[in-house]
Structure formats: structure tokens, C-alpha cells
Amino acid sequence: MKTTDMIKQNNELRKQLNSENKKYYEDILVYIRVNLNKEERQTEEILLEILQDILDAQKNGTSAQEFFGKNPKEISDSILAELPNDSEKYWSKFLFVFFLILLQYNLFDLLLQPVVSINWFNTVMPVIFLIITAILGLNSIKYSAFTSDRKKSYFFAFLALFFWIASILMPIIDKKMNGIVGYILFSHQAFAAILFILSIFLLVVQFRFKMNNAAGIYITTFFAVLEGAVLLGIVNPIFVSTGLKIILWVVIILVSILGVARDNQKFRKN
């Protein structure tokens, strides 16, 4: 059975769970699935097996908690310890998130500046902070599955927020200090060409590895269109007014929200 078929079967069978068993099982499901470094097919196989065991127990009048025990986290950790790692899947997704964040939060904003200038403090450091933010965010989601780990979840969420704010403040501080270290200057067309190639690469990775990430596809496509417009001279950032920049970022935010909403809808179905 294909992985996608197992996920569909999981979705259908889950509808048969009562509310108590559904909560118990979905906590395990979220905790295990958020570990992106595990082999996907075997992950879905074991999740389907657990679901079928719970359904069988439910038919016999036994709850999931009675069947598997009161601590679903221990079960989840033991399952994760047995599941093989899939480094290719993990790193491909990680690199995708890395480049997407790079485009969204830093490089595109630089393209709209009168002068495109890059240094460690306005580009590289914010990107490193955003990678850390993404890792901390995944850990926050992971530990949110179980009540006993909620404090850890809040702690990771706080750290993620801290590094995200730091990624925003670094370029501002650098600008106020007129450049902490030396800049590398680019023409708008050259920089737009680099970003456009990067956006196309992101889309190829997205479809090649079948990530089915609506937010990633929507926002990357939108960036690619804008970068292409600068590259072809249709839009000249030097003459882009503050008002137009605000409008562009509002649209970018709306596109991101639309993509996230679409992903959430798919996640609920999954």
C-alpha cells in the first residue's frame, strides 16, 4: 500500500473513534509525525497499526488508555526509537524551509531597498536565527501534544519568538549603526536574478519531493513573479514608494495566510 493510501485509510478509520480515544490517538499521531527525520512509510504503517488496535479495543469496550496505558508519550518515544531515520527526507524539507524563510523575511525586503547591500549582520545572522526559530517551533509543536510536556512547549515557543524578533532587529540595528561590518553591493537586476533562480529552485524542490505545502507554493510563486518583474525592468525598486511597499507586504501576508489556511485544512483531513 502506498503511503498516501495509508494516510487516507487512517483519515477514514479515525472517524470511528469516540472522542476520548480520538484525543488519545491524535496526541500520539502529532507527536510522531512532527519528527520529520523518520522514514515516512514505516511511520504511517505503525500509526495505522496503533489505530487499528485502538479500534479493536474500542469494539470490545476497552479504552485506548486501558489498552496502551495512561502515558501515551512513553509509547510514542518507544516507537520513535524504533523507527529508522530518513536523512534525505529530513534535510530536503529542512533546506526547503531554510530557503523559503530566507526569501520571505530577509532577501526580498533587501530587493526593495534603494541600494541592495548585504553583510553578515543584515542577512546571514538573521537567516541563522530563523533556522533556529524553525527548529524551536517544531519542538514546541512536538511537546504540545501531551499535557505533561506543555511547559516544554511554552518554553520552546518563547525561545522561537525570541530568535524571530532577533532576526528582525539585526538588520535594523545594523542600519542604525551604518553597517557594523562592510557591505557587498548588488544591482537590483543581478539580485533579482539570484532570487528568481532561488525561487524556481524552491518550487522544483517542493514538487520533486511532493511536500504538498500550499503556503510554500503560494508565497514562493508570488515572490518569483515579483522578482521576475524587477529582473525584466517592469518594476524599479528605486522608484517604489513607501505606500506601494506596504501594499506589497500586505499582499504577501495575505498570500501567506491563504496558504497556511489551506495547509491547516489539509492537515485536519489528514
C-alpha atoms as a PDB file:
ATOM      1  CA  MET A   1       0.000   0.000   0.000  1.00  0.00           C
ATOM      2  CA  LYS A   2       1.274   3.468  -0.883  1.00  0.00           C
ATOM      3  CA  THR A   3       1.977   5.979   1.863  1.00  0.00           C
ATOM      4  CA  THR A   4      -0.767   8.291   0.569  1.00  0.00           C
ATOM      5  CA  ASP A   5      -3.248   5.391   0.656  1.00  0.00           C
ATOM      6  CA  MET A   6      -2.294   4.622   4.256  1.00  0.00           C
ATOM      7  CA  ILE A   7      -2.869   8.261   5.210  1.00  0.00           C
ATOM      8  CA  LYS A   8      -6.286   8.207   3.528  1.00  0.00           C
ATOM      9  CA  GLN A   9      -7.191   4.986   5.305  1.00  0.00           C
ATOM     10  CA  ASN A  10      -6.019   6.498   8.584  1.00  0.00           C
ATOM     11  CA  ASN A  11      -8.281   9.500   7.974  1.00  0.00           C
ATOM     12  CA  GLU A  12     -11.312   7.317   7.368  1.00  0.00           C
ATOM     13  CA  LEU A  13     -10.721   4.938  10.274  1.00  0.00           C
ATOM     14  CA  ARG A  14     -10.162   7.806  12.704  1.00  0.00           C
ATOM     15  CA  LYS A  15     -13.785   8.868  12.207  1.00  0.00           C
ATOM     16  CA  GLN A  16     -14.823   5.678  14.012  1.00  0.00           C
ATOM     17  CA  LEU A  17     -13.043   6.635  17.235  1.00  0.00           C
ATOM     18  CA  ASN A  18     -15.000   8.031  20.155  1.00  0.00           C
ATOM     19  CA  SER A  19     -13.930  11.434  21.484  1.00  0.00           C
ATOM     20  CA  GLU A  20     -11.730  10.067  24.293  1.00  0.00           C
ATOM     21  CA  ASN A  21      -9.887   7.582  22.086  1.00  0.00           C
ATOM     22  CA  LYS A  22      -9.566  10.123  19.282  1.00  0.00           C
ATOM     23  CA  LYS A  23      -7.847  12.604  21.611  1.00  0.00           C
ATOM     24  CA  TYR A  24      -5.507   9.874  22.883  1.00  0.00           C
ATOM     25  CA  TYR A  25      -4.595   8.675  19.396  1.00  0.00           C
ATOM     26  CA  GLU A  26      -4.213  12.101  17.775  1.00  0.00           C
ATOM     27  CA  ASP A  27      -1.802  13.185  20.518  1.00  0.00           C
ATOM     28  CA  ILE A  28       0.389  10.229  19.536  1.00  0.00           C
ATOM     29  CA  LEU A  29      -0.067  10.972  15.832  1.00  0.00           C
ATOM     30  CA  VAL A  30       1.008  14.639  16.122  1.00  0.00           C
ATOM     31  CA  TYR A  31       3.969  13.792  18.370  1.00  0.00           C
ATOM     32  CA  ILE A  32       5.276  11.154  15.956  1.00  0.00           C
ATOM     33  CA  ARG A  33       4.547  12.900  12.649  1.00  0.00           C
ATOM     34  CA  VAL A  34       6.272  16.123  13.669  1.00  0.00           C
ATOM     35  CA  ASN A  35       9.576  14.196  13.692  1.00  0.00           C
ATOM     36  CA  LEU A  36      10.450  14.877  10.057  1.00  0.00           C
ATOM     37  CA  ASN A  37      13.652  12.812  10.185  1.00  0.00           C
ATOM     38  CA  LYS A  38      11.793   9.494  10.406  1.00  0.00           C
ATOM     39  CA  GLU A  39      11.067   7.260   7.415  1.00  0.00           C
ATOM     40  CA  GLU A  40       7.576   8.246   6.273  1.00  0.00           C
ATOM     41  CA  ARG A  41       6.236   4.894   5.076  1.00  0.00           C
ATOM     42  CA  GLN A  42       7.165   2.997   8.227  1.00  0.00           C
ATOM     43  CA  THR A  43       5.843   5.888  10.341  1.00  0.00           C
ATOM     44  CA  GLU A  44       2.444   5.682   8.663  1.00  0.00           C
ATOM     45  CA  GLU A  45       2.425   1.883   8.920  1.00  0.00           C
ATOM     46  CA  ILE A  46       2.938   1.947  12.672  1.00  0.00           C
ATOM     47  CA  LEU A  47       0.387   4.742  13.139  1.00  0.00           C
ATOM     48  CA  LEU A  48      -2.160   2.713  11.194  1.00  0.00           C
ATOM     49  CA  GLU A  49      -1.414  -0.374  13.297  1.00  0.00           C
ATOM     50  CA  ILE A  50      -1.929   1.584  16.519  1.00  0.00           C
ATOM     51  CA  LEU A  51      -5.194   2.999  15.198  1.00  0.00           C
ATOM     52  CA  GLN A  52      -6.486  -0.441  14.265  1.00  0.00           C
ATOM     53  CA  ASP A  53      -5.537  -1.783  17.714  1.00  0.00           C
ATOM     54  CA  ILE A  54      -7.454   1.062  19.375  1.00  0.00           C
ATOM     55  CA  LEU A  55     -10.489   0.415  17.169  1.00  0.00           C
ATOM     56  CA  ASP A  56     -10.432  -3.295  18.037  1.00  0.00           C
ATOM     57  CA  ALA A  57     -10.178  -2.466  21.740  1.00  0.00           C
ATOM     58  CA  GLN A  58     -12.991   0.068  21.417  1.00  0.00           C
ATOM     59  CA  LYS A  59     -15.270  -2.574  19.905  1.00  0.00           C
ATOM     60  CA  ASN A  60     -14.594  -4.732  22.966  1.00  0.00           C
ATOM     61  CA  GLY A  61     -15.428  -1.874  25.322  1.00  0.00           C
ATOM     62  CA  THR A  62     -11.808  -1.103  26.218  1.00  0.00           C
ATOM     63  CA  SER A  63     -10.471   2.441  26.010  1.00  0.00           C
ATOM     64  CA  ALA A  64      -7.163   3.336  24.351  1.00  0.00           C
ATOM     65  CA  GLN A  65      -5.814   4.377  27.734  1.00  0.00           C
ATOM     66  CA  GLU A  66      -6.697   0.997  29.235  1.00  0.00           C
ATOM     67  CA  PHE A  67      -5.224  -0.853  26.255  1.00  0.00           C
ATOM     68  CA  PHE A  68      -1.970   1.082  25.813  1.00  0.00           C
ATOM     69  CA  GLY A  69      -1.533   2.686  29.221  1.00  0.00           C
ATOM     70  CA  LYS A  70      -2.020   6.108  30.785  1.00  0.00           C
ATOM     71  CA  ASN A  71       1.178   7.589  29.365  1.00  0.00           C
ATOM     72  CA  PRO A  72       0.924   7.849  25.546  1.00  0.00           C
ATOM     73  CA  LYS A  73       4.204   9.822  25.476  1.00  0.00           C
ATOM     74  CA  GLU A  74       6.166   6.764  26.606  1.00  0.00           C
ATOM     75  CA  ILE A  75       4.580   4.732  23.815  1.00  0.00           C
ATOM     76  CA  SER A  76       5.388   7.463  21.299  1.00  0.00           C
ATOM     77  CA  ASP A  77       9.016   7.715  22.431  1.00  0.00           C
ATOM     78  CA  SER A  78       9.481   3.943  22.201  1.00  0.00           C
ATOM     79  CA  ILE A  79       8.011   3.966  18.675  1.00  0.00           C
ATOM     80  CA  LEU A  80      10.284   6.817  17.591  1.00  0.00           C
ATOM     81  CA  ALA A  81      13.303   4.972  18.978  1.00  0.00           C
ATOM     82  CA  GLU A  82      12.476   2.002  16.738  1.00  0.00           C
ATOM     83  CA  LEU A  83      11.658   3.948  13.571  1.00  0.00           C
ATOM     84  CA  PRO A  84      14.581   4.349  11.130  1.00  0.00           C
ATOM     85  CA  ASN A  85      15.838   7.794  10.205  1.00  0.00           C
ATOM     86  CA  ASP A  86      15.353   9.155   6.706  1.00  0.00           C
ATOM     87  CA  SER A  87      18.101  11.777   6.396  1.00  0.00           C
ATOM     88  CA  GLU A  88      17.250  12.589   2.756  1.00  0.00           C
ATOM     89  CA  LYS A  89      13.645  13.442   3.593  1.00  0.00           C
ATOM     90  CA  TYR A  90      14.660  15.407   6.671  1.00  0.00           C
ATOM     91  CA  TRP A  91      17.337  17.518   5.006  1.00  0.00           C
ATOM     92  CA  SER A  92      15.335  18.164   1.840  1.00  0.00           C
ATOM     93  CA  LYS A  93      12.476  19.552   3.913  1.00  0.00           C
ATOM     94  CA  PHE A  94      14.854  21.426   6.156  1.00  0.00           C
ATOM     95  CA  LEU A  95      16.608  23.047   3.206  1.00  0.00           C
ATOM     96  CA  PHE A  96      13.261  23.954   1.698  1.00  0.00           C
ATOM     97  CA  VAL A  97      12.161  25.709   4.882  1.00  0.00           C
ATOM     98  CA  PHE A  98      15.581  27.380   5.125  1.00  0.00           C
ATOM     99  CA  PHE A  99      15.437  28.917   1.652  1.00  0.00           C
ATOM    100  CA  LEU A 100      11.768  29.843   1.969  1.00  0.00           C
ATOM    101  CA  ILE A 101      12.419  31.760   5.176  1.00  0.00           C
ATOM    102  CA  LEU A 102      15.447  33.346   3.511  1.00  0.00           C
ATOM    103  CA  LEU A 103      13.203  34.734   0.766  1.00  0.00           C
ATOM    104  CA  GLN A 104      10.272  35.721   2.960  1.00  0.00           C
ATOM    105  CA  TYR A 105      11.915  37.528   5.808  1.00  0.00           C
ATOM    106  CA  ASN A 106      15.101  38.978   4.500  1.00  0.00           C
ATOM    107  CA  LEU A 107      16.309  38.927   0.919  1.00  0.00           C
ATOM    108  CA  PHE A 108      13.145  40.138  -0.756  1.00  0.00           C
ATOM    109  CA  ASP A 109      12.957  43.108   1.569  1.00  0.00           C
ATOM    110  CA  LEU A 110      16.532  43.966   0.580  1.00  0.00           C
ATOM    111  CA  LEU A 111      15.498  43.903  -3.086  1.00  0.00           C
ATOM    112  CA  LEU A 112      13.026  46.738  -2.421  1.00  0.00           C
ATOM    113  CA  GLN A 113      15.671  48.983  -0.858  1.00  0.00           C
ATOM    114  CA  PRO A 114      17.172  51.891  -2.902  1.00  0.00           C
ATOM    115  CA  VAL A 115      20.570  50.171  -2.641  1.00  0.00           C
ATOM    116  CA  VAL A 116      20.961  46.392  -2.347  1.00  0.00           C
ATOM    117  CA  SER A 117      23.697  45.823   0.214  1.00  0.00           C
ATOM    118  CA  ILE A 118      24.479  42.618   2.074  1.00  0.00           C
ATOM    119  CA  ASN A 119      26.660  41.818   5.063  1.00  0.00           C
ATOM    120  CA  TRP A 120      26.766  39.301   7.899  1.00  0.00           C
ATOM    121  CA  PHE A 121      24.544  41.293  10.224  1.00  0.00           C
ATOM    122  CA  ASN A 122      21.718  42.227   7.859  1.00  0.00           C
ATOM    123  CA  THR A 123      21.484  38.888   6.031  1.00  0.00           C
ATOM    124  CA  VAL A 124      23.432  35.894   7.319  1.00  0.00           C
ATOM    125  CA  MET A 125      22.781  36.289  11.054  1.00  0.00           C
ATOM    126  CA  PRO A 126      19.004  36.797  10.627  1.00  0.00           C
ATOM    127  CA  VAL A 127      18.855  33.659   8.468  1.00  0.00           C
ATOM    128  CA  ILE A 128      20.700  31.648  11.144  1.00  0.00           C
ATOM    129  CA  PHE A 129      18.270  32.978  13.753  1.00  0.00           C
ATOM    130  CA  LEU A 130      15.326  31.998  11.556  1.00  0.00           C
ATOM    131  CA  ILE A 131      16.656  28.453  11.168  1.00  0.00           C
ATOM    132  CA  ILE A 132      16.881  28.245  14.960  1.00  0.00           C
ATOM    133  CA  THR A 133      13.329  29.660  15.149  1.00  0.00           C
ATOM    134  CA  ALA A 134      12.050  26.922  12.818  1.00  0.00           C
ATOM    135  CA  ILE A 135      13.728  24.159  14.860  1.00  0.00           C
ATOM    136  CA  LEU A 136      12.399  25.560  18.128  1.00  0.00           C
ATOM    137  CA  GLY A 137       8.941  25.930  16.590  1.00  0.00           C
ATOM    138  CA  LEU A 138       8.905  22.250  15.581  1.00  0.00           C
ATOM    139  CA  ASN A 139       9.887  21.282  19.124  1.00  0.00           C
ATOM    140  CA  SER A 140       7.122  23.483  20.526  1.00  0.00           C
ATOM    141  CA  ILE A 141       4.571  21.700  18.313  1.00  0.00           C
ATOM    142  CA  LYS A 142       6.009  18.310  19.258  1.00  0.00           C
ATOM    143  CA  TYR A 143       5.734  18.882  23.006  1.00  0.00           C
ATOM    144  CA  SER A 144       2.281  20.489  22.757  1.00  0.00           C
ATOM    145  CA  ALA A 145       0.790  17.039  22.099  1.00  0.00           C
ATOM    146  CA  PHE A 146       0.864  15.932  25.741  1.00  0.00           C
ATOM    147  CA  THR A 147      -0.302  17.852  28.794  1.00  0.00           C
ATOM    148  CA  SER A 148       2.736  16.739  30.818  1.00  0.00           C
ATOM    149  CA  ASP A 149       5.014  18.471  28.300  1.00  0.00           C
ATOM    150  CA  ARG A 150       3.131  21.757  27.934  1.00  0.00           C
ATOM    151  CA  LYS A 151       5.751  23.668  29.941  1.00  0.00           C
ATOM    152  CA  LYS A 152       8.410  22.496  27.482  1.00  0.00           C
ATOM    153  CA  SER A 153       6.160  23.507  24.615  1.00  0.00           C
ATOM    154  CA  TYR A 154       5.738  27.037  26.027  1.00  0.00           C
ATOM    155  CA  PHE A 155       9.481  27.277  26.692  1.00  0.00           C
ATOM    156  CA  PHE A 156      10.370  26.368  23.093  1.00  0.00           C
ATOM    157  CA  ALA A 157       7.665  28.721  21.812  1.00  0.00           C
ATOM    158  CA  PHE A 158       9.137  31.573  23.882  1.00  0.00           C
ATOM    159  CA  LEU A 159      12.643  30.855  22.565  1.00  0.00           C
ATOM    160  CA  ALA A 160      11.301  30.682  18.998  1.00  0.00           C
ATOM    161  CA  LEU A 161       9.651  34.084  19.470  1.00  0.00           C
ATOM    162  CA  PHE A 162      12.884  35.499  20.907  1.00  0.00           C
ATOM    163  CA  PHE A 163      15.017  34.377  17.946  1.00  0.00           C
ATOM    164  CA  TRP A 164      12.360  35.503  15.464  1.00  0.00           C
ATOM    165  CA  ILE A 165      12.338  39.016  16.976  1.00  0.00           C
ATOM    166  CA  ALA A 166      16.157  38.969  16.991  1.00  0.00           C
ATOM    167  CA  SER A 167      16.150  38.136  13.262  1.00  0.00           C
ATOM    168  CA  ILE A 168      14.047  41.247  12.647  1.00  0.00           C
ATOM    169  CA  LEU A 169      16.103  43.520  14.894  1.00  0.00           C
ATOM    170  CA  MET A 170      19.545  42.575  13.500  1.00  0.00           C
ATOM    171  CA  PRO A 171      19.143  44.411  10.146  1.00  0.00           C
ATOM    172  CA  ILE A 172      17.583  47.416  11.926  1.00  0.00           C
ATOM    173  CA  ILE A 173      20.489  47.662  14.370  1.00  0.00           C
ATOM    174  CA  ASP A 174      22.964  47.247  11.516  1.00  0.00           C
ATOM    175  CA  LYS A 175      21.286  50.057   9.565  1.00  0.00           C
ATOM    176  CA  LYS A 176      21.240  52.388  12.590  1.00  0.00           C
ATOM    177  CA  MET A 177      24.973  51.826  13.065  1.00  0.00           C
ATOM    178  CA  ASN A 178      25.646  52.458   9.350  1.00  0.00           C
ATOM    179  CA  GLY A 179      26.920  48.929   8.886  1.00  0.00           C
ATOM    180  CA  ILE A 180      28.657  47.006  11.660  1.00  0.00           C
ATOM    181  CA  VAL A 181      30.883  45.373   9.023  1.00  0.00           C
ATOM    182  CA  GLY A 182      31.498  46.074   5.340  1.00  0.00           C
ATOM    183  CA  TYR A 183      28.788  45.631   2.689  1.00  0.00           C
ATOM    184  CA  ILE A 184      28.676  43.789  -0.622  1.00  0.00           C
ATOM    185  CA  LEU A 185      26.696  45.804  -3.193  1.00  0.00           C
ATOM    186  CA  PHE A 186      24.467  44.332  -5.928  1.00  0.00           C
ATOM    187  CA  SER A 187      22.493  45.888  -8.754  1.00  0.00           C
ATOM    188  CA  HIS A 188      18.730  45.332  -8.447  1.00  0.00           C
ATOM    189  CA  GLN A 189      18.640  43.255 -11.642  1.00  0.00           C
ATOM    190  CA  ALA A 190      21.516  40.999 -10.526  1.00  0.00           C
ATOM    191  CA  PHE A 191      19.997  40.482  -7.098  1.00  0.00           C
ATOM    192  CA  ALA A 192      16.537  39.882  -8.597  1.00  0.00           C
ATOM    193  CA  ALA A 193      18.070  37.253 -10.900  1.00  0.00           C
ATOM    194  CA  ILE A 194      19.611  35.449  -7.902  1.00  0.00           C
ATOM    195  CA  LEU A 195      16.319  35.476  -6.010  1.00  0.00           C
ATOM    196  CA  PHE A 196      14.342  34.397  -9.077  1.00  0.00           C
ATOM    197  CA  ILE A 197      16.616  31.369  -9.605  1.00  0.00           C
ATOM    198  CA  LEU A 198      16.321  30.564  -5.905  1.00  0.00           C
ATOM    199  CA  SER A 199      12.513  30.760  -6.078  1.00  0.00           C
ATOM    200  CA  ILE A 200      12.388  28.430  -9.072  1.00  0.00           C
ATOM    201  CA  PHE A 201      14.700  26.050  -7.236  1.00  0.00           C
ATOM    202  CA  LEU A 202      12.336  26.115  -4.244  1.00  0.00           C
ATOM    203  CA  LEU A 203       9.353  25.266  -6.429  1.00  0.00           C
ATOM    204  CA  VAL A 204      11.251  22.387  -8.047  1.00  0.00           C
ATOM    205  CA  VAL A 205      12.195  21.031  -4.607  1.00  0.00           C
ATOM    206  CA  GLN A 206       8.599  21.461  -3.466  1.00  0.00           C
ATOM    207  CA  PHE A 207       7.170  19.390  -6.299  1.00  0.00           C
ATOM    208  CA  ARG A 208      10.114  16.984  -6.590  1.00  0.00           C
ATOM    209  CA  PHE A 209       9.742  15.798  -3.004  1.00  0.00           C
ATOM    210  CA  LYS A 210       5.909  16.104  -3.046  1.00  0.00           C
ATOM    211  CA  MET A 211       5.817  18.253   0.074  1.00  0.00           C
ATOM    212  CA  ASN A 212       2.271  19.435  -0.689  1.00  0.00           C
ATOM    213  CA  ASN A 213       2.926  22.659   1.181  1.00  0.00           C
ATOM    214  CA  ALA A 214       0.378  25.199  -0.048  1.00  0.00           C
ATOM    215  CA  ALA A 215       1.915  28.073   1.927  1.00  0.00           C
ATOM    216  CA  GLY A 216       5.324  27.337   0.425  1.00  0.00           C
ATOM    217  CA  ILE A 217       3.987  27.101  -3.135  1.00  0.00           C
ATOM    218  CA  TYR A 218       1.821  30.223  -2.903  1.00  0.00           C
ATOM    219  CA  ILE A 219       4.398  32.525  -1.352  1.00  0.00           C
ATOM    220  CA  THR A 220       7.318  31.271  -3.452  1.00  0.00           C
ATOM    221  CA  THR A 221       5.313  31.682  -6.662  1.00  0.00           C
ATOM    222  CA  PHE A 222       4.310  35.209  -5.652  1.00  0.00           C
ATOM    223  CA  PHE A 223       7.917  36.130  -4.885  1.00  0.00           C
ATOM    224  CA  ALA A 224       9.052  34.643  -8.211  1.00  0.00           C
ATOM    225  CA  VAL A 225       6.546  36.839 -10.085  1.00  0.00           C
ATOM    226  CA  LEU A 226       7.721  39.994  -8.293  1.00  0.00           C
ATOM    227  CA  GLU A 227      11.391  39.106  -8.744  1.00  0.00           C
ATOM    228  CA  GLY A 228      10.756  38.440 -12.431  1.00  0.00           C
ATOM    229  CA  ALA A 229       9.105  41.855 -12.735  1.00  0.00           C
ATOM    230  CA  VAL A 230      12.211  43.543 -11.273  1.00  0.00           C
ATOM    231  CA  LEU A 231      14.501  41.430 -13.445  1.00  0.00           C
ATOM    232  CA  LEU A 232      12.623  42.434 -16.612  1.00  0.00           C
ATOM    233  CA  GLY A 233      12.552  46.090 -15.610  1.00  0.00           C
ATOM    234  CA  ILE A 234       8.762  46.191 -15.200  1.00  0.00           C
ATOM    235  CA  VAL A 235       9.253  47.267 -11.581  1.00  0.00           C
ATOM    236  CA  ASN A 236      12.135  49.505 -10.495  1.00  0.00           C
ATOM    237  CA  PRO A 237      12.668  49.310  -6.703  1.00  0.00           C
ATOM    238  CA  ILE A 238      14.367  52.713  -6.701  1.00  0.00           C
ATOM    239  CA  PHE A 239      11.038  54.349  -7.549  1.00  0.00           C
ATOM    240  CA  VAL A 240       8.845  52.132  -5.356  1.00  0.00           C
ATOM    241  CA  SER A 241       7.126  54.365  -2.809  1.00  0.00           C
ATOM    242  CA  THR A 242       6.686  53.519   0.849  1.00  0.00           C
ATOM    243  CA  GLY A 243       2.950  53.183   0.277  1.00  0.00           C
ATOM    244  CA  LEU A 244       3.473  50.642  -2.512  1.00  0.00           C
ATOM    245  CA  LYS A 245       5.907  48.674  -0.336  1.00  0.00           C
ATOM    246  CA  ILE A 246       3.288  48.486   2.393  1.00  0.00           C
ATOM    247  CA  ILE A 247       0.704  47.276  -0.124  1.00  0.00           C
ATOM    248  CA  LEU A 248       3.125  44.626  -1.416  1.00  0.00           C
ATOM    249  CA  TRP A 249       3.829  43.308   2.069  1.00  0.00           C
ATOM    250  CA  VAL A 250       0.112  43.283   2.908  1.00  0.00           C
ATOM    251  CA  VAL A 251      -0.478  41.157  -0.197  1.00  0.00           C
ATOM    252  CA  ILE A 252       2.450  38.903   0.738  1.00  0.00           C
ATOM    253  CA  ILE A 253       0.981  38.425   4.224  1.00  0.00           C
ATOM    254  CA  LEU A 254      -2.465  37.679   2.761  1.00  0.00           C
ATOM    255  CA  VAL A 255      -0.964  35.122   0.355  1.00  0.00           C
ATOM    256  CA  SER A 256       0.870  33.513   3.286  1.00  0.00           C
ATOM    257  CA  ILE A 257      -2.322  33.391   5.370  1.00  0.00           C
ATOM    258  CA  LEU A 258      -4.201  31.851   2.443  1.00  0.00           C
ATOM    259  CA  GLY A 259      -1.506  29.177   2.098  1.00  0.00           C
ATOM    260  CA  VAL A 260      -1.434  28.439   5.840  1.00  0.00           C
ATOM    261  CA  ALA A 261      -5.240  28.206   5.914  1.00  0.00           C
ATOM    262  CA  ARG A 262      -5.107  25.746   3.019  1.00  0.00           C
ATOM    263  CA  ASP A 263      -2.442  23.676   4.797  1.00  0.00           C
ATOM    264  CA  ASN A 264      -4.489  23.651   8.015  1.00  0.00           C
ATOM    265  CA  GLN A 265      -7.490  22.442   6.070  1.00  0.00           C
ATOM    266  CA  LYS A 266      -5.450  19.611   4.581  1.00  0.00           C
ATOM    267  CA  PHE A 267      -3.929  18.792   7.974  1.00  0.00           C
ATOM    268  CA  ARG A 268      -7.380  18.343   9.510  1.00  0.00           C
ATOM    269  CA  LYS A 269      -8.303  15.996   6.696  1.00  0.00           C
ATOM    270  CA  ASN A 270      -5.062  14.109   7.209  1.00  0.00           C
END
